Amino acid sequence: MDRLLNKGAVLNADVIISVAGIPLIGVTLKAMIAGMETMLEYGIMEDWDKSSRELYASQETHLPLFPGEQILYKAFGYLREDEGLIKGWVPGIWNITSQRIILWIKTPGKVLFETPLENLRVLRVPASHEVRRELELIYPEGSARISLSERDEFEEALAGAAEATVAIEV
């Protein structure tokens, strides 16, 4: 399963049904089975991915905010999950608030990741796909790799929210 998601499989089949040597029906089948990240790396389903990200980001979220905390920036993106049997990118809405970075997942409506802005370091890392740009968030309890197509805007919002408590390294 891991190989199928990471590498993918392609099926091409041409079927011709003939009667007495006369072709009556022709069927061409083309299918690709792979994880979404692999599909996007090969340039397949990019329009669907972009429209899905925009729709997901525009939807209302009900984040559990601290008193006086405000959402300053929202963007659709991914968090790299390396635990468990299947490793991959988990989609959600990245929220930069006046105090934290939060990854909100609409279904089932929960916070998947959060860390305070204090003592946060952000590193740009090489990405496997040109549409998604990756960042490494390094915080006192550990680190997390994230991916967003709007990386530059995310970094600007983060720098503005943190007022020099976040170190962004290129």
Protein backbone atom coordinates (compact mmCIF):
# COMPACT_ATOMS: atom_id res chain seq x y z
CA MET A 1 0.00 0.00 0.00
CA ASP A 2 2.83 2.41 0.89
CA ARG A 3 4.52 1.78 -2.47
CA LEU A 4 1.24 2.27 -4.34
CA LEU A 5 0.60 5.62 -2.61
CA ASN A 6 4.18 6.88 -3.05
CA LYS A 7 5.01 5.56 -6.53
CA GLY A 8 1.61 4.94 -8.08
CA ALA A 9 0.43 2.56 -10.78
CA VAL A 10 -0.76 3.24 -14.32
CA LEU A 11 -3.18 1.05 -16.25
CA ASN A 12 -3.58 1.43 -20.02
CA ALA A 13 -5.89 -0.95 -21.85
CA ASP A 14 -7.37 -1.00 -25.34
CA VAL A 15 -10.22 -3.45 -25.95
CA ILE A 16 -11.79 -4.04 -29.35
CA ILE A 17 -14.87 -6.23 -29.70
CA SER A 18 -15.14 -7.79 -33.14
CA VAL A 19 -17.67 -10.04 -34.81
CA ALA A 20 -16.53 -12.00 -37.85
CA GLY A 21 -13.39 -9.87 -38.06
CA ILE A 22 -15.35 -6.61 -38.11
CA PRO A 23 -14.57 -4.28 -35.17
CA LEU A 24 -17.83 -3.14 -33.56
CA ILE A 25 -16.89 -1.58 -30.24
CA GLY A 26 -13.67 0.00 -29.06
CA VAL A 27 -12.88 0.81 -25.46
CA THR A 28 -9.82 2.67 -24.20
CA LEU A 29 -9.17 2.58 -20.48
CA LYS A 30 -6.61 4.75 -18.73
CA ALA A 31 -6.31 4.85 -14.97
CA MET A 32 -3.76 6.05 -12.47
CA ILE A 33 -3.80 5.03 -8.84
CA ALA A 34 -1.59 6.96 -6.43
CA GLY A 35 -1.62 9.18 -3.39
CA MET A 36 -2.64 12.80 -3.99
CA GLU A 37 0.89 14.05 -3.33
CA THR A 38 2.23 11.72 -6.04
CA MET A 39 -0.51 12.80 -8.45
CA LEU A 40 0.38 16.45 -7.89
CA GLU A 41 4.09 15.75 -8.37
CA TYR A 42 3.27 14.44 -11.85
CA GLY A 43 1.02 17.40 -12.64
CA ILE A 44 -2.24 15.46 -12.44
CA MET A 45 -5.31 16.98 -10.75
CA GLU A 46 -3.63 20.36 -10.07
CA ASP A 47 -6.78 22.34 -10.93
CA TRP A 48 -8.86 20.20 -8.57
CA ASP A 49 -6.25 20.63 -5.82
CA LYS A 50 -6.19 24.41 -6.20
CA SER A 51 -9.99 24.77 -6.19
CA SER A 52 -10.26 22.42 -3.19
CA ARG A 53 -7.70 24.45 -1.25
CA GLU A 54 -9.52 27.70 -1.98
CA LEU A 55 -12.91 26.27 -1.00
CA TYR A 56 -11.55 24.69 2.19
CA ALA A 57 -9.78 27.89 3.25
CA SER A 58 -12.89 30.02 2.69
CA GLN A 59 -15.05 27.92 4.98
CA GLU A 60 -15.79 29.06 8.51
CA THR A 61 -13.77 27.56 11.35
CA HIS A 62 -14.61 27.54 15.02
CA LEU A 63 -11.22 27.59 16.67
CA PRO A 64 -10.94 27.46 20.44
CA LEU A 65 -9.24 30.84 20.97
CA PHE A 66 -7.83 32.27 24.17
CA PRO A 67 -9.37 35.50 25.54
CA GLY A 68 -8.07 38.41 23.46
CA GLU A 69 -6.56 36.12 20.80
CA GLN A 70 -7.33 37.01 17.17
CA ILE A 71 -6.91 35.13 13.90
CA LEU A 72 -4.53 37.16 11.73
CA TYR A 73 -4.04 34.84 8.75
CA LYS A 74 -5.62 31.68 7.31
CA ALA A 75 -4.34 29.43 4.52
CA PHE A 76 -4.94 25.91 3.35
CA GLY A 77 -1.94 23.65 3.79
CA TYR A 78 -0.60 20.34 5.00
CA LEU A 79 1.17 18.82 7.98
CA ARG A 80 3.58 15.92 7.42
CA GLU A 81 2.55 12.89 9.46
CA ASP A 82 5.37 10.38 9.90
CA GLU A 83 3.83 8.32 12.67
CA GLY A 84 1.98 5.09 12.08
CA LEU A 85 1.87 2.73 9.14
CA ILE A 86 1.12 5.22 6.36
CA LYS A 87 3.14 8.39 6.13
CA GLY A 88 1.72 11.36 4.30
CA TRP A 89 0.42 14.91 4.30
CA VAL A 90 -2.66 15.78 6.37
CA PRO A 91 -4.71 18.69 4.96
CA GLY A 92 -6.16 21.48 7.05
CA ILE A 93 -6.38 25.22 7.61
CA TRP A 94 -3.26 26.88 9.01
CA ASN A 95 -4.22 29.76 11.29
CA ILE A 96 -1.77 32.33 12.56
CA THR A 97 -3.20 34.03 15.61
CA SER A 98 -1.76 36.75 17.80
CA GLN A 99 -0.37 34.00 20.07
CA ARG A 100 -0.13 30.67 18.22
CA ILE A 101 0.04 28.71 14.98
CA ILE A 102 -2.85 26.26 14.70
CA LEU A 103 -3.74 23.59 12.15
CA TRP A 104 -7.52 23.15 12.16
CA ILE A 105 -9.15 20.15 10.54
CA LYS A 106 -12.77 20.81 9.65
CA THR A 107 -13.82 17.18 9.83
CA PRO A 108 -14.03 16.14 12.67
CA GLY A 109 -13.58 19.78 13.76
CA LYS A 110 -10.47 19.65 15.87
CA VAL A 111 -7.03 21.16 16.32
CA LEU A 112 -4.40 18.79 14.96
CA PHE A 113 -1.35 20.93 15.67
CA GLU A 114 -0.62 24.05 17.66
CA THR A 115 2.42 25.79 19.05
CA PRO A 116 3.00 29.20 20.61
CA LEU A 117 4.80 31.83 18.54
CA GLU A 118 7.41 32.29 21.28
CA ASN A 119 10.79 30.67 20.55
CA LEU A 120 9.63 29.47 17.14
CA ARG A 121 12.14 29.00 14.32
CA VAL A 122 10.97 28.59 10.74
CA LEU A 123 13.26 27.06 8.10
CA ARG A 124 12.63 26.80 4.38
CA VAL A 125 13.33 23.29 3.11
CA PRO A 126 13.51 21.89 -0.43
CA ALA A 127 10.14 20.58 -1.60
CA SER A 128 9.34 17.64 -3.80
CA HIS A 129 6.67 19.59 -5.70
CA GLU A 130 6.82 23.14 -7.07
CA VAL A 131 3.21 24.04 -6.17
CA ARG A 132 3.66 23.28 -2.49
CA ARG A 133 6.50 24.91 -0.65
CA GLU A 134 7.70 23.35 2.57
CA LEU A 135 8.71 24.84 5.90
CA GLU A 136 10.15 23.26 9.02
CA LEU A 137 8.68 24.65 12.25
CA ILE A 138 11.11 24.19 15.12
CA TYR A 139 9.67 24.82 18.57
CA PRO A 140 10.81 23.87 22.11
CA GLU A 141 8.86 20.57 22.15
CA GLY A 142 10.01 19.35 18.70
CA SER A 143 9.58 20.13 15.03
CA ALA A 144 7.00 19.76 12.28
CA ARG A 145 7.17 19.93 8.51
CA ILE A 146 4.39 21.86 6.81
CA SER A 147 3.54 22.59 3.21
CA LEU A 148 1.64 25.53 1.71
CA SER A 149 1.42 27.01 -1.76
CA GLU A 150 1.23 30.49 -0.17
CA ARG A 151 4.50 30.13 1.76
CA ASP A 152 5.68 33.72 1.27
CA GLU A 153 2.39 35.19 2.52
CA PHE A 154 2.43 32.75 5.45
CA GLU A 155 5.96 33.86 6.41
CA GLU A 156 5.00 37.55 6.17
CA ALA A 157 1.93 37.03 8.36
CA LEU A 158 4.00 35.03 10.83
CA ALA A 159 6.67 37.73 11.04
CA GLY A 160 4.01 40.40 11.56
CA ALA A 161 2.20 38.40 14.24
CA ALA A 162 5.29 37.43 16.17
CA GLU A 163 7.07 40.81 16.16
CA ALA A 164 10.60 39.35 16.26
CA THR A 165 9.82 36.31 18.43
CA VAL A 166 10.00 34.08 15.34
CA ALA A 167 13.22 33.49 13.43
CA ILE A 168 12.60 32.82 9.72
CA GLU A 169 15.65 31.35 7.99
CA VAL A 170 15.93 30.93 4.25
